[in-house]
């Protein structure tokens, strides 16, 4: 996994956490769900990159 991919995935995860927290704070279920989805997407990308790294 390249450093730039790690940074992008971490940024996406942090953005998702922020959206989720803001959604909870404002009782905005759509924003909260969007944040959770972004976090899941970042985790899937990270897992895929880890698999690729394991086979190198």
Protein backbone atom coordinates (compact mmCIF):
# COMPACT_ATOMS: atom_id res chain seq x y z
CA UNK A 1 0.00 0.00 0.00
CA UNK A 2 1.41 3.32 -1.00
CA UNK A 3 1.68 6.14 1.46
CA UNK A 4 -0.72 8.26 -0.58
CA UNK A 5 -3.35 5.48 -0.42
CA UNK A 6 -2.95 5.23 3.34
CA UNK A 7 -3.39 8.99 3.68
CA UNK A 8 -6.48 9.02 1.45
CA UNK A 9 -8.06 6.13 3.37
CA UNK A 10 -7.30 7.78 6.71
CA UNK A 11 -8.78 11.07 5.49
CA UNK A 12 -11.91 9.31 4.27
CA UNK A 13 -12.24 7.52 7.61
CA UNK A 14 -11.82 10.77 9.55
CA UNK A 15 -14.33 12.54 7.33
CA UNK A 16 -16.79 9.74 7.96
CA UNK A 17 -16.26 9.94 11.71
CA UNK A 18 -16.79 13.69 11.65
CA UNK A 19 -19.99 13.37 9.61
CA UNK A 20 -21.28 10.66 11.90
CA UNK A 21 -20.54 12.76 15.00
CA UNK A 22 -22.14 15.86 13.47
CA UNK A 23 -25.17 13.81 12.45
CA UNK A 24 -25.56 12.51 16.00
CA UNK A 25 -25.14 15.98 17.48
CA UNK A 26 -27.77 17.49 15.18
CA UNK A 27 -30.12 14.48 15.10
CA UNK A 28 -29.53 14.20 11.36
CA UNK A 29 -29.88 10.48 10.66
CA UNK A 30 -29.00 10.85 6.97
CA UNK A 31 -25.69 12.55 7.74
CA UNK A 32 -24.93 10.02 10.46
CA UNK A 33 -25.57 7.13 8.05
CA UNK A 34 -23.47 8.83 5.37
CA UNK A 35 -20.58 9.08 7.82
CA UNK A 36 -20.88 5.42 8.75
CA UNK A 37 -20.91 4.48 5.06
CA UNK A 38 -17.73 6.49 4.40
CA UNK A 39 -16.00 4.77 7.30
CA UNK A 40 -17.03 1.36 5.99
CA UNK A 41 -15.81 2.25 2.51
CA UNK A 42 -12.42 3.31 3.90
CA UNK A 43 -12.15 0.09 5.92
CA UNK A 44 -12.89 -2.05 2.86
CA UNK A 45 -10.25 -0.20 0.85
CA UNK A 46 -7.74 -0.66 3.67
CA UNK A 47 -8.48 -4.38 3.89
CA UNK A 48 -8.06 -4.76 0.12
CA UNK A 49 -4.72 -2.98 0.21
CA UNK A 50 -3.59 -5.17 3.12
CA UNK A 51 -4.40 -8.29 1.08
CA UNK A 52 -2.41 -6.92 -1.86
CA UNK A 53 0.53 -6.17 0.44
CA UNK A 54 0.42 -9.69 1.88
CA UNK A 55 0.91 -11.20 -1.59
CA UNK A 56 3.84 -8.99 -2.54
